[in-house]
Amino acid sequence: MKQLSLTTILFVFFALSGNAQTKKFAFGINLYPNYSAGIISNDGNTPGSVENGFDAIETWKPCLSSSIFVEYIINEKSMLGFGMGYQNNGEKTQKIQLIYAYNPQTGQPIIDPSAPSEAQFIHNRHNLELPIYYKRMFGKRFYLQAGVSGLINLFNTSTSVYTYLDDSKERTTSTDNSTDFRRFNIAANLGCGWNYLTRDKFTLFVQPSFQYGILGVSKTASLNRNFFSTGISTGIKF
């Protein structure tokens, strides 16, 4: 993975340096707002009821990833791209109602105004992403793009959001040490895009995209997660 990172950096440098002479390279910036979720997998050591419980309360989380990239133009229909950037994935729970005790006579929850009434937990994984992809043009504007990304996990955070009866919120973010997170991962990428504005010096594009983590985010967890994200990539290419 370190060799891949160094190779990508060198490729970007020499491509940008030689682009004016060769006209075989294009470079650009990509922004990828998306929704991410953890696809739960169970190695069989966790009861199905526990897995179903997590599956019922976890939902999609908004994320934002971004990268710079270089494309080698093989011919007018085919391009090979390399990049480097920041990738964010994770998941969050739905709002969970907090009940501390029940009235033994009525069976109704006992409400404590000083205690939070709802809780939500947000899990973020922050990665360095090194994508490589192949792009095939269909006509002048539309294209299909597929590839893989090497992911280097930088750090992970967990955010707790508590809501009180007066709608005030208490938000706390801390380092997530809940599992032995995988340092290196790989993701499959797929997108279909449209170069909606083309000029002599630049091209603007938009691209519905999908990304799936091949390996679970944890190295050891019985109840693991493979991240899946979908969103709209957009950017500029020079």
Protein backbone atom coordinates (compact mmCIF):
# COMPACT_ATOMS: atom_id res chain seq x y z
CA MET A 1 0.00 0.00 0.00
CA LYS A 2 2.89 2.38 0.73
CA GLN A 3 4.38 1.56 -2.69
CA LEU A 4 0.99 2.31 -4.28
CA SER A 5 0.87 5.67 -2.49
CA LEU A 6 4.37 6.62 -3.64
CA THR A 7 3.65 5.47 -7.20
CA THR A 8 0.48 7.58 -7.31
CA ILE A 9 2.28 10.68 -6.04
CA LEU A 10 5.08 10.30 -8.59
CA PHE A 11 2.60 9.63 -11.39
CA VAL A 12 0.62 12.77 -10.55
CA PHE A 13 3.81 14.87 -10.40
CA PHE A 14 5.27 13.73 -13.71
CA ALA A 15 1.87 13.84 -15.43
CA LEU A 16 1.32 17.45 -14.41
CA SER A 17 4.89 18.35 -15.38
CA GLY A 18 4.66 16.80 -18.82
CA ASN A 19 1.07 17.57 -19.74
CA ALA A 20 1.86 20.70 -21.70
CA GLN A 21 4.27 18.80 -23.96
CA THR A 22 2.49 15.45 -24.40
CA LYS A 23 -1.20 16.41 -24.39
CA LYS A 24 -1.80 12.86 -23.18
CA PHE A 25 -2.79 13.74 -19.61
CA ALA A 26 -5.66 15.54 -17.95
CA PHE A 27 -5.92 16.37 -14.26
CA GLY A 28 -8.78 17.45 -12.07
CA ILE A 29 -10.56 17.71 -8.74
CA ASN A 30 -13.47 15.52 -7.68
CA LEU A 31 -15.99 16.14 -4.88
CA TYR A 32 -18.15 13.22 -3.75
CA PRO A 33 -21.06 14.02 -1.38
CA ASN A 34 -22.70 10.72 -0.57
CA TYR A 35 -24.65 8.58 1.86
CA SER A 36 -22.84 5.70 3.54
CA ALA A 37 -24.05 2.66 5.47
CA GLY A 38 -22.46 -0.40 7.06
CA ILE A 39 -23.54 -3.70 5.52
CA ILE A 40 -23.52 -6.04 8.53
CA SER A 41 -21.85 -9.46 8.30
CA ASN A 42 -21.90 -12.12 11.01
CA ASP A 43 -19.28 -14.86 11.35
CA GLY A 44 -21.80 -16.98 13.26
CA ASN A 45 -20.53 -16.24 16.78
CA THR A 46 -23.05 -13.45 17.40
CA PRO A 47 -26.74 -14.37 17.97
CA GLY A 48 -29.02 -13.49 15.09
CA SER A 49 -31.24 -11.45 17.41
CA VAL A 50 -28.31 -9.14 18.20
CA GLU A 51 -27.50 -8.75 14.50
CA ASN A 52 -31.16 -7.98 13.74
CA GLY A 53 -31.21 -5.41 16.53
CA PHE A 54 -28.27 -3.49 15.09
CA ASP A 55 -29.66 -3.81 11.58
CA ALA A 56 -32.97 -2.32 12.73
CA ILE A 57 -31.51 0.82 14.32
CA GLU A 58 -28.62 1.65 11.96
CA THR A 59 -29.18 3.82 8.92
CA TRP A 60 -27.42 5.90 6.24
CA LYS A 61 -25.04 8.68 7.20
CA PRO A 62 -24.16 11.71 5.03
CA CYS A 63 -20.47 11.79 4.08
CA LEU A 64 -18.16 13.92 2.00
CA SER A 65 -15.08 12.69 0.13
CA SER A 66 -12.74 14.51 -2.23
CA SER A 67 -9.73 13.72 -4.41
CA ILE A 68 -7.37 14.98 -7.05
CA PHE A 69 -6.77 12.80 -10.09
CA VAL A 70 -4.76 12.39 -13.28
CA GLU A 71 -6.09 10.69 -16.41
CA TYR A 72 -3.89 9.16 -19.07
CA ILE A 73 -5.68 9.43 -22.41
CA ILE A 74 -5.19 6.09 -24.17
CA ASN A 75 -7.34 7.16 -27.12
CA GLU A 76 -10.46 9.26 -27.68
CA LYS A 77 -12.65 6.54 -26.11
CA SER A 78 -10.47 5.18 -23.29
CA MET A 79 -8.77 6.75 -20.27
CA LEU A 80 -6.84 5.34 -17.32
CA GLY A 81 -6.97 7.35 -14.11
CA PHE A 82 -5.09 7.57 -10.82
CA GLY A 83 -5.86 9.72 -7.82
CA MET A 84 -5.33 10.55 -4.18
CA GLY A 85 -7.68 12.09 -1.63
CA TYR A 86 -9.74 11.97 1.53
CA GLN A 87 -12.48 9.35 1.95
CA ASN A 88 -15.12 9.27 4.69
CA ASN A 89 -17.52 6.42 5.41
CA GLY A 90 -19.56 5.20 8.36
CA GLU A 91 -23.06 4.81 9.66
CA LYS A 92 -25.36 6.23 12.30
CA THR A 93 -28.22 4.98 14.43
CA GLN A 94 -31.73 6.26 14.29
CA LYS A 95 -32.85 8.33 17.27
CA ILE A 96 -33.30 5.96 20.20
CA GLN A 97 -35.85 6.76 22.90
CA LEU A 98 -34.31 6.56 26.37
CA ILE A 99 -36.48 5.05 29.09
CA TYR A 100 -34.96 4.86 32.57
CA ALA A 101 -37.82 3.37 34.60
CA TYR A 102 -41.51 2.53 34.50
CA ASN A 103 -44.25 3.47 36.94
CA PRO A 104 -45.17 0.14 38.57
CA GLN A 105 -48.82 1.16 38.89
CA THR A 106 -49.51 2.59 35.41
CA GLY A 107 -46.78 0.88 33.40
CA GLN A 108 -45.91 4.20 31.80
CA PRO A 109 -42.34 5.52 31.48
CA ILE A 110 -41.16 7.79 34.29
CA ILE A 111 -40.01 11.09 32.76
CA ASP A 112 -37.03 12.90 34.24
CA PRO A 113 -36.79 16.43 32.70
CA SER A 114 -33.11 16.68 33.66
CA ALA A 115 -32.15 13.54 31.70
CA PRO A 116 -31.94 13.18 27.91
CA SER A 117 -34.99 11.68 26.22
CA GLU A 118 -33.32 10.52 22.99
CA ALA A 119 -29.89 9.39 21.86
CA GLN A 120 -28.20 8.98 18.49
CA PHE A 121 -24.74 7.57 17.72
CA ILE A 122 -22.69 8.47 14.63
CA HIS A 123 -19.63 6.48 13.56
CA ASN A 124 -17.08 8.03 11.19
CA ARG A 125 -14.09 6.39 9.53
CA HIS A 126 -11.54 8.72 7.94
CA ASN A 127 -9.26 7.33 5.23
CA LEU A 128 -6.62 8.23 2.68
CA GLU A 129 -7.93 6.99 -0.67
CA LEU A 130 -5.80 5.95 -3.68
CA PRO A 131 -8.14 5.19 -6.60
CA ILE A 132 -7.28 3.66 -9.97
CA TYR A 133 -9.93 3.38 -12.67
CA TYR A 134 -10.71 2.82 -16.33
CA LYS A 135 -13.08 5.17 -18.17
CA ARG A 136 -14.90 4.37 -21.41
CA MET A 137 -16.58 7.13 -23.39
CA PHE A 138 -19.90 6.63 -25.18
CA GLY A 139 -20.19 9.50 -27.60
CA LYS A 140 -18.76 12.89 -26.71
CA ARG A 141 -20.27 13.40 -23.26
CA PHE A 142 -21.35 10.16 -21.56
CA TYR A 143 -19.04 7.60 -20.00
CA LEU A 144 -18.80 4.53 -17.75
CA GLN A 145 -16.09 4.35 -15.09
CA ALA A 146 -14.98 1.37 -13.00
CA GLY A 147 -12.03 0.70 -10.73
CA VAL A 148 -10.72 0.02 -7.25
CA SER A 149 -9.39 2.14 -4.40
CA GLY A 150 -6.73 1.39 -1.84
CA LEU A 151 -7.80 2.78 1.54
CA ILE A 152 -5.48 3.65 4.43
CA ASN A 153 -7.39 4.18 7.66
CA LEU A 154 -6.19 7.39 9.35
CA PHE A 155 -8.45 7.61 12.41
CA ASN A 156 -12.01 6.87 13.56
CA THR A 157 -14.47 8.83 15.66
CA SER A 158 -17.73 8.19 17.46
CA THR A 159 -20.22 10.98 18.15
CA SER A 160 -23.01 10.80 20.75
CA VAL A 161 -25.95 13.18 20.37
CA TYR A 162 -28.36 13.44 23.32
CA THR A 163 -31.64 15.34 22.98
CA TYR A 164 -33.54 16.72 25.99
CA LEU A 165 -37.25 17.39 26.42
CA ASP A 166 -36.72 21.11 25.72
CA ASP A 167 -35.11 20.14 22.34
CA SER A 168 -31.63 21.15 23.49
CA LYS A 169 -28.81 18.85 22.39
CA GLU A 170 -25.57 17.63 23.90
CA ARG A 171 -23.00 16.47 21.35
CA THR A 172 -19.76 14.67 22.22
CA THR A 173 -17.13 13.33 19.78
CA SER A 174 -14.32 11.01 20.82
CA THR A 175 -11.83 8.60 19.28
CA ASP A 176 -13.51 5.30 18.40
CA ASN A 177 -11.58 2.42 19.99
CA SER A 178 -14.51 0.00 19.96
CA THR A 179 -12.73 -2.55 17.73
CA ASP A 180 -9.44 -3.39 16.03
CA PHE A 181 -10.00 -1.33 12.90
CA ARG A 182 -8.44 -2.58 9.68
CA ARG A 183 -5.51 -0.37 8.67
CA PHE A 184 -5.62 -1.21 4.95
CA ASN A 185 -8.73 -1.95 2.91
CA ILE A 186 -9.81 -2.04 -0.71
CA ALA A 187 -13.01 -0.76 -2.30
CA ALA A 188 -14.74 -1.40 -5.63
CA ASN A 189 -15.93 1.72 -7.48
CA LEU A 190 -18.51 2.14 -10.23
CA GLY A 191 -19.92 5.26 -11.85
CA CYS A 192 -21.63 6.55 -14.97
CA GLY A 193 -21.08 10.17 -15.83
CA TRP A 194 -21.87 13.11 -18.06
CA ASN A 195 -19.47 15.84 -19.21
CA TYR A 196 -22.14 18.51 -19.17
CA LEU A 197 -19.91 21.48 -20.03
CA THR A 198 -16.82 21.24 -22.23
CA ARG A 199 -14.55 24.14 -23.12
CA ASP A 200 -11.05 24.35 -24.63
CA LYS A 201 -9.34 24.51 -21.23
CA PHE A 202 -11.66 22.61 -18.89
CA THR A 203 -14.56 20.15 -18.57
CA LEU A 204 -17.25 20.04 -15.87
CA PHE A 205 -18.70 16.63 -15.05
CA VAL A 206 -21.33 14.99 -12.86
CA GLN A 207 -21.31 11.29 -12.03
CA PRO A 208 -23.67 9.05 -10.01
CA SER A 209 -21.28 6.76 -8.13
CA PHE A 210 -21.22 3.65 -5.95
CA GLN A 211 -18.47 2.37 -3.66
CA TYR A 212 -18.27 -0.88 -1.68
CA GLY A 213 -15.66 -1.96 0.87
CA ILE A 214 -14.36 -5.43 -0.04
CA LEU A 215 -13.11 -6.20 3.48
CA GLY A 216 -14.83 -5.59 6.79
CA VAL A 217 -13.81 -2.43 8.63
CA SER A 218 -12.73 -4.50 11.65
CA LYS A 219 -10.01 -7.16 11.64
CA THR A 220 -11.50 -9.18 14.50
CA ALA A 221 -15.17 -8.28 15.15
CA SER A 222 -17.69 -11.11 15.04
CA LEU A 223 -20.31 -8.63 13.87
CA ASN A 224 -18.49 -6.75 11.12
CA ARG A 225 -19.43 -4.11 8.55
CA ASN A 226 -18.56 -3.61 4.89
CA PHE A 227 -19.22 -0.01 3.99
CA PHE A 228 -21.40 0.91 1.02
CA SER A 229 -21.83 4.44 -0.30
CA THR A 230 -23.79 6.05 -3.08
CA GLY A 231 -23.92 9.67 -4.20
CA ILE A 232 -23.20 12.18 -6.94
CA SER A 233 -19.59 12.96 -7.81
CA THR A 234 -18.92 16.31 -9.41
CA GLY A 235 -15.82 18.20 -10.40
CA ILE A 236 -13.64 19.85 -12.97
CA LYS A 237 -11.01 18.43 -15.32
CA PHE A 238 -8.28 20.43 -17.08
